[in-house]
Amino acid sequence: MSDIVTCPLCGAKNRVRTGMRGVPLCGRCKKPLPLPGDAGVRVLTTDGFESAIALNPKPVLVDFWASWCQPCRVMAGNLERFAAKRDDVTVAKVDIDAEPGLASQYQIFGVPTLVLFVKGREVHRVSGAVGETQLQKEFSPWLEKK
């Protein structure tokens, strides 16, 4: 399965595979593309993190997590359901063990930590596992702004 994503810089249309890791690059100008607007949860790495949050036209909710963390596993299911219900936000994950530089840069001291970015800027953060209802309450003020 794939999506067609238009490059915001050069206007070229690019076919981007659904479920791919990281951030796709434009075939014409080789600049990072915004993440396609699917309901899945994306995996981000250091290489494309900044462009993924800055170039995405929708807010990006990033889950900083670790594989050894039991609350992170619980949170993963809640996030997937949240992402499936909301098409106005892109949900992404960063494994802090695989990407310690990002964890340090964004001062992640505990996991899970959810950070909402709007136009590349951090606007809200929640630490600890929360349920689906709490996710809606925490992030709705920023997601419903137009």
C-alpha atoms as a PDB file:
ATOM      1  CA  MET A   1       0.000   0.000   0.000  1.00  0.00           C
ATOM      2  CA  SER A   2       1.259   3.510  -0.667  1.00  0.00           C
ATOM      3  CA  ASP A   3       0.230   7.159  -0.460  1.00  0.00           C
ATOM      4  CA  ILE A   4       0.894  10.058  -2.799  1.00  0.00           C
ATOM      5  CA  VAL A   5       2.587  12.922  -0.947  1.00  0.00           C
ATOM      6  CA  THR A   6       3.217  16.322  -2.530  1.00  0.00           C
ATOM      7  CA  CYS A   7       6.571  17.894  -1.689  1.00  0.00           C
ATOM      8  CA  PRO A   8       5.953  21.262   0.018  1.00  0.00           C
ATOM      9  CA  LEU A   9       9.188  22.667  -1.461  1.00  0.00           C
ATOM     10  CA  CYS A  10       9.182  21.705  -5.141  1.00  0.00           C
ATOM     11  CA  GLY A  11       5.599  20.478  -5.659  1.00  0.00           C
ATOM     12  CA  ALA A  12       6.583  17.034  -6.985  1.00  0.00           C
ATOM     13  CA  LYS A  13       4.211  14.155  -6.282  1.00  0.00           C
ATOM     14  CA  ASN A  14       5.900  11.209  -4.532  1.00  0.00           C
ATOM     15  CA  ARG A  15       4.687   7.672  -3.871  1.00  0.00           C
ATOM     16  CA  VAL A  16       5.402   6.808  -0.218  1.00  0.00           C
ATOM     17  CA  ARG A  17       5.027   3.273   1.084  1.00  0.00           C
ATOM     18  CA  THR A  18       2.628   2.894   4.023  1.00  0.00           C
ATOM     19  CA  GLY A  19       4.345   1.654   7.164  1.00  0.00           C
ATOM     20  CA  MET A  20       7.843   2.717   6.182  1.00  0.00           C
ATOM     21  CA  ARG A  21      10.266   3.714   8.943  1.00  0.00           C
ATOM     22  CA  GLY A  22      11.721   7.193   9.147  1.00  0.00           C
ATOM     23  CA  VAL A  23      10.984  10.109   6.875  1.00  0.00           C
ATOM     24  CA  PRO A  24      10.713   9.733   3.086  1.00  0.00           C
ATOM     25  CA  LEU A  25      12.686  12.002   0.751  1.00  0.00           C
ATOM     26  CA  CYS A  26      11.364  13.788  -2.336  1.00  0.00           C
ATOM     27  CA  GLY A  27      12.433  12.089  -5.550  1.00  0.00           C
ATOM     28  CA  ARG A  28      13.069  15.425  -7.264  1.00  0.00           C
ATOM     29  CA  CYS A  29      14.660  17.772  -4.696  1.00  0.00           C
ATOM     30  CA  LYS A  30      15.786  15.104  -2.162  1.00  0.00           C
ATOM     31  CA  LYS A  31      14.337  17.072   0.771  1.00  0.00           C
ATOM     32  CA  PRO A  32      12.325  15.322   3.527  1.00  0.00           C
ATOM     33  CA  LEU A  33       8.619  14.914   2.855  1.00  0.00           C
ATOM     34  CA  PRO A  34       5.868  15.390   5.435  1.00  0.00           C
ATOM     35  CA  LEU A  35       4.511  12.135   6.797  1.00  0.00           C
ATOM     36  CA  PRO A  36       1.533  10.767   4.869  1.00  0.00           C
ATOM     37  CA  GLY A  37      -1.801  11.260   6.618  1.00  0.00           C
ATOM     38  CA  ASP A  38      -2.590   7.684   7.522  1.00  0.00           C
ATOM     39  CA  ALA A  39      -3.975   6.530  10.841  1.00  0.00           C
ATOM     40  CA  GLY A  40      -0.983   4.383  11.717  1.00  0.00           C
ATOM     41  CA  VAL A  41       1.755   5.124  14.194  1.00  0.00           C
ATOM     42  CA  ARG A  42       5.076   6.138  12.599  1.00  0.00           C
ATOM     43  CA  VAL A  43       8.541   5.249  13.900  1.00  0.00           C
ATOM     44  CA  LEU A  44      10.925   8.210  13.856  1.00  0.00           C
ATOM     45  CA  THR A  45      14.716   8.256  14.049  1.00  0.00           C
ATOM     46  CA  THR A  46      17.251  11.019  14.568  1.00  0.00           C
ATOM     47  CA  ASP A  47      17.835  11.305  10.814  1.00  0.00           C
ATOM     48  CA  GLY A  48      14.377  12.568   9.957  1.00  0.00           C
ATOM     49  CA  PHE A  49      12.921  13.700  13.264  1.00  0.00           C
ATOM     50  CA  GLU A  50      13.255  17.456  12.836  1.00  0.00           C
ATOM     51  CA  SER A  51      11.856  17.465   9.310  1.00  0.00           C
ATOM     52  CA  ALA A  52       9.044  15.086  10.282  1.00  0.00           C
ATOM     53  CA  ILE A  53       7.724  17.456  12.916  1.00  0.00           C
ATOM     54  CA  ALA A  54       8.462  20.692  11.059  1.00  0.00           C
ATOM     55  CA  LEU A  55       7.162  19.755   7.589  1.00  0.00           C
ATOM     56  CA  ASN A  56       4.046  17.881   8.632  1.00  0.00           C
ATOM     57  CA  PRO A  57       0.954  20.019   8.002  1.00  0.00           C
ATOM     58  CA  LYS A  58      -0.803  18.352  10.964  1.00  0.00           C
ATOM     59  CA  PRO A  59       0.247  18.373  14.621  1.00  0.00           C
ATOM     60  CA  VAL A  60       2.595  15.488  15.490  1.00  0.00           C
ATOM     61  CA  LEU A  61       2.146  13.589  18.762  1.00  0.00           C
ATOM     62  CA  VAL A  62       5.415  11.819  19.610  1.00  0.00           C
ATOM     63  CA  ASP A  63       5.552   8.953  22.093  1.00  0.00           C
ATOM     64  CA  PHE A  64       9.020   8.633  23.639  1.00  0.00           C
ATOM     65  CA  TRP A  65       9.117   5.037  24.874  1.00  0.00           C
ATOM     66  CA  ALA A  66      11.390   2.081  25.716  1.00  0.00           C
ATOM     67  CA  SER A  67      10.965  -1.625  24.986  1.00  0.00           C
ATOM     68  CA  TRP A  68      11.658  -2.607  28.631  1.00  0.00           C
ATOM     69  CA  CYS A  69       8.934  -0.271  29.966  1.00  0.00           C
ATOM     70  CA  GLN A  70       5.640  -2.021  30.823  1.00  0.00           C
ATOM     71  CA  PRO A  71       3.584   1.234  30.980  1.00  0.00           C
ATOM     72  CA  CYS A  72       4.940   2.046  27.479  1.00  0.00           C
ATOM     73  CA  ARG A  73       3.453  -1.195  26.166  1.00  0.00           C
ATOM     74  CA  VAL A  74       0.078  -0.322  27.684  1.00  0.00           C
ATOM     75  CA  MET A  75       0.352   3.177  26.229  1.00  0.00           C
ATOM     76  CA  ALA A  76       1.070   1.766  22.751  1.00  0.00           C
ATOM     77  CA  GLY A  77      -2.413   0.264  22.482  1.00  0.00           C
ATOM     78  CA  ASN A  78      -4.038   3.474  23.700  1.00  0.00           C
ATOM     79  CA  LEU A  79      -2.068   5.507  21.157  1.00  0.00           C
ATOM     80  CA  GLU A  80      -2.990   3.214  18.268  1.00  0.00           C
ATOM     81  CA  ARG A  81      -6.689   3.552  19.111  1.00  0.00           C
ATOM     82  CA  PHE A  82      -6.266   7.325  19.502  1.00  0.00           C
ATOM     83  CA  ALA A  83      -4.531   7.546  16.096  1.00  0.00           C
ATOM     84  CA  ALA A  84      -7.232   5.453  14.428  1.00  0.00           C
ATOM     85  CA  LYS A  85      -9.970   7.803  15.659  1.00  0.00           C
ATOM     86  CA  ARG A  86      -8.210  11.085  14.847  1.00  0.00           C
ATOM     87  CA  ASP A  87      -7.222  12.138  11.350  1.00  0.00           C
ATOM     88  CA  ASP A  88      -6.177  15.621  12.498  1.00  0.00           C
ATOM     89  CA  VAL A  89      -2.935  14.442  14.140  1.00  0.00           C
ATOM     90  CA  THR A  90       0.038  12.293  13.143  1.00  0.00           C
ATOM     91  CA  VAL A  91       1.165   9.884  15.858  1.00  0.00           C
ATOM     92  CA  ALA A  92       4.813   8.850  15.960  1.00  0.00           C
ATOM     93  CA  LYS A  93       7.098   6.895  18.287  1.00  0.00           C
ATOM     94  CA  VAL A  94      10.740   7.316  19.286  1.00  0.00           C
ATOM     95  CA  ASP A  95      12.560   4.483  21.074  1.00  0.00           C
ATOM     96  CA  ILE A  96      14.774   6.277  23.622  1.00  0.00           C
ATOM     97  CA  ASP A  97      17.231   3.366  23.765  1.00  0.00           C
ATOM     98  CA  ALA A  98      17.744   3.457  19.988  1.00  0.00           C
ATOM     99  CA  GLU A  99      17.745   7.285  19.848  1.00  0.00           C
ATOM    100  CA  PRO A 100      19.379   8.554  23.074  1.00  0.00           C
ATOM    101  CA  GLY A 101      20.300  11.870  21.415  1.00  0.00           C
ATOM    102  CA  LEU A 102      16.640  12.728  20.813  1.00  0.00           C
ATOM    103  CA  ALA A 103      15.748  11.743  24.387  1.00  0.00           C
ATOM    104  CA  SER A 104      18.466  14.057  25.666  1.00  0.00           C
ATOM    105  CA  GLN A 105      17.586  16.900  23.292  1.00  0.00           C
ATOM    106  CA  TYR A 106      13.943  16.877  24.371  1.00  0.00           C
ATOM    107  CA  GLN A 107      14.769  16.258  28.050  1.00  0.00           C
ATOM    108  CA  ILE A 108      12.938  12.963  28.374  1.00  0.00           C
ATOM    109  CA  PHE A 109      13.524  11.871  31.973  1.00  0.00           C
ATOM    110  CA  GLY A 110      10.794   9.230  32.238  1.00  0.00           C
ATOM    111  CA  VAL A 111       8.885   7.014  29.866  1.00  0.00           C
ATOM    112  CA  PRO A 112       6.367   7.046  28.421  1.00  0.00           C
ATOM    113  CA  THR A 113       6.414  10.749  27.641  1.00  0.00           C
ATOM    114  CA  LEU A 114       4.087  12.178  25.002  1.00  0.00           C
ATOM    115  CA  VAL A 115       5.062  15.441  23.322  1.00  0.00           C
ATOM    116  CA  LEU A 116       2.788  17.338  20.936  1.00  0.00           C
ATOM    117  CA  PHE A 117       4.464  19.422  18.228  1.00  0.00           C
ATOM    118  CA  VAL A 118       2.560  21.983  16.150  1.00  0.00           C
ATOM    119  CA  LYS A 119       4.459  23.390  13.148  1.00  0.00           C
ATOM    120  CA  GLY A 120       7.700  22.038  14.605  1.00  0.00           C
ATOM    121  CA  ARG A 121       7.264  23.622  18.031  1.00  0.00           C
ATOM    122  CA  GLU A 122       6.546  21.750  21.275  1.00  0.00           C
ATOM    123  CA  VAL A 123       3.202  22.882  22.697  1.00  0.00           C
ATOM    124  CA  HIS A 124       2.304  20.270  25.321  1.00  0.00           C
ATOM    125  CA  ARG A 125       3.803  17.278  27.115  1.00  0.00           C
ATOM    126  CA  VAL A 126       2.427  14.483  29.303  1.00  0.00           C
ATOM    127  CA  SER A 127       4.550  12.004  31.257  1.00  0.00           C
ATOM    128  CA  GLY A 128       3.309   8.579  32.289  1.00  0.00           C
ATOM    129  CA  ALA A 129       0.783   6.172  30.825  1.00  0.00           C
ATOM    130  CA  VAL A 130      -2.668   7.647  30.285  1.00  0.00           C
ATOM    131  CA  GLY A 131      -5.900   6.188  28.958  1.00  0.00           C
ATOM    132  CA  GLU A 132      -7.625   7.081  25.725  1.00  0.00           C
ATOM    133  CA  THR A 133     -10.056   9.472  27.427  1.00  0.00           C
ATOM    134  CA  GLN A 134      -7.215  11.281  29.169  1.00  0.00           C
ATOM    135  CA  LEU A 135      -5.351  11.547  25.839  1.00  0.00           C
ATOM    136  CA  GLN A 136      -8.375  13.308  24.342  1.00  0.00           C
ATOM    137  CA  LYS A 137      -8.596  15.700  27.318  1.00  0.00           C
ATOM    138  CA  GLU A 138      -4.881  16.507  27.383  1.00  0.00           C
ATOM    139  CA  PHE A 139      -4.371  17.207  23.682  1.00  0.00           C
ATOM    140  CA  SER A 140      -7.775  18.409  22.435  1.00  0.00           C
ATOM    141  CA  PRO A 141      -7.136  22.110  23.183  1.00  0.00           C
ATOM    142  CA  TRP A 142      -4.238  22.107  20.697  1.00  0.00           C
ATOM    143  CA  LEU A 143      -5.731  19.722  18.163  1.00  0.00           C
ATOM    144  CA  GLU A 144      -9.016  21.566  17.845  1.00  0.00           C
ATOM    145  CA  LYS A 145      -7.433  24.966  17.154  1.00  0.00           C
ATOM    146  CA  LYS A 146      -7.690  25.999  13.526  1.00  0.00           C
END
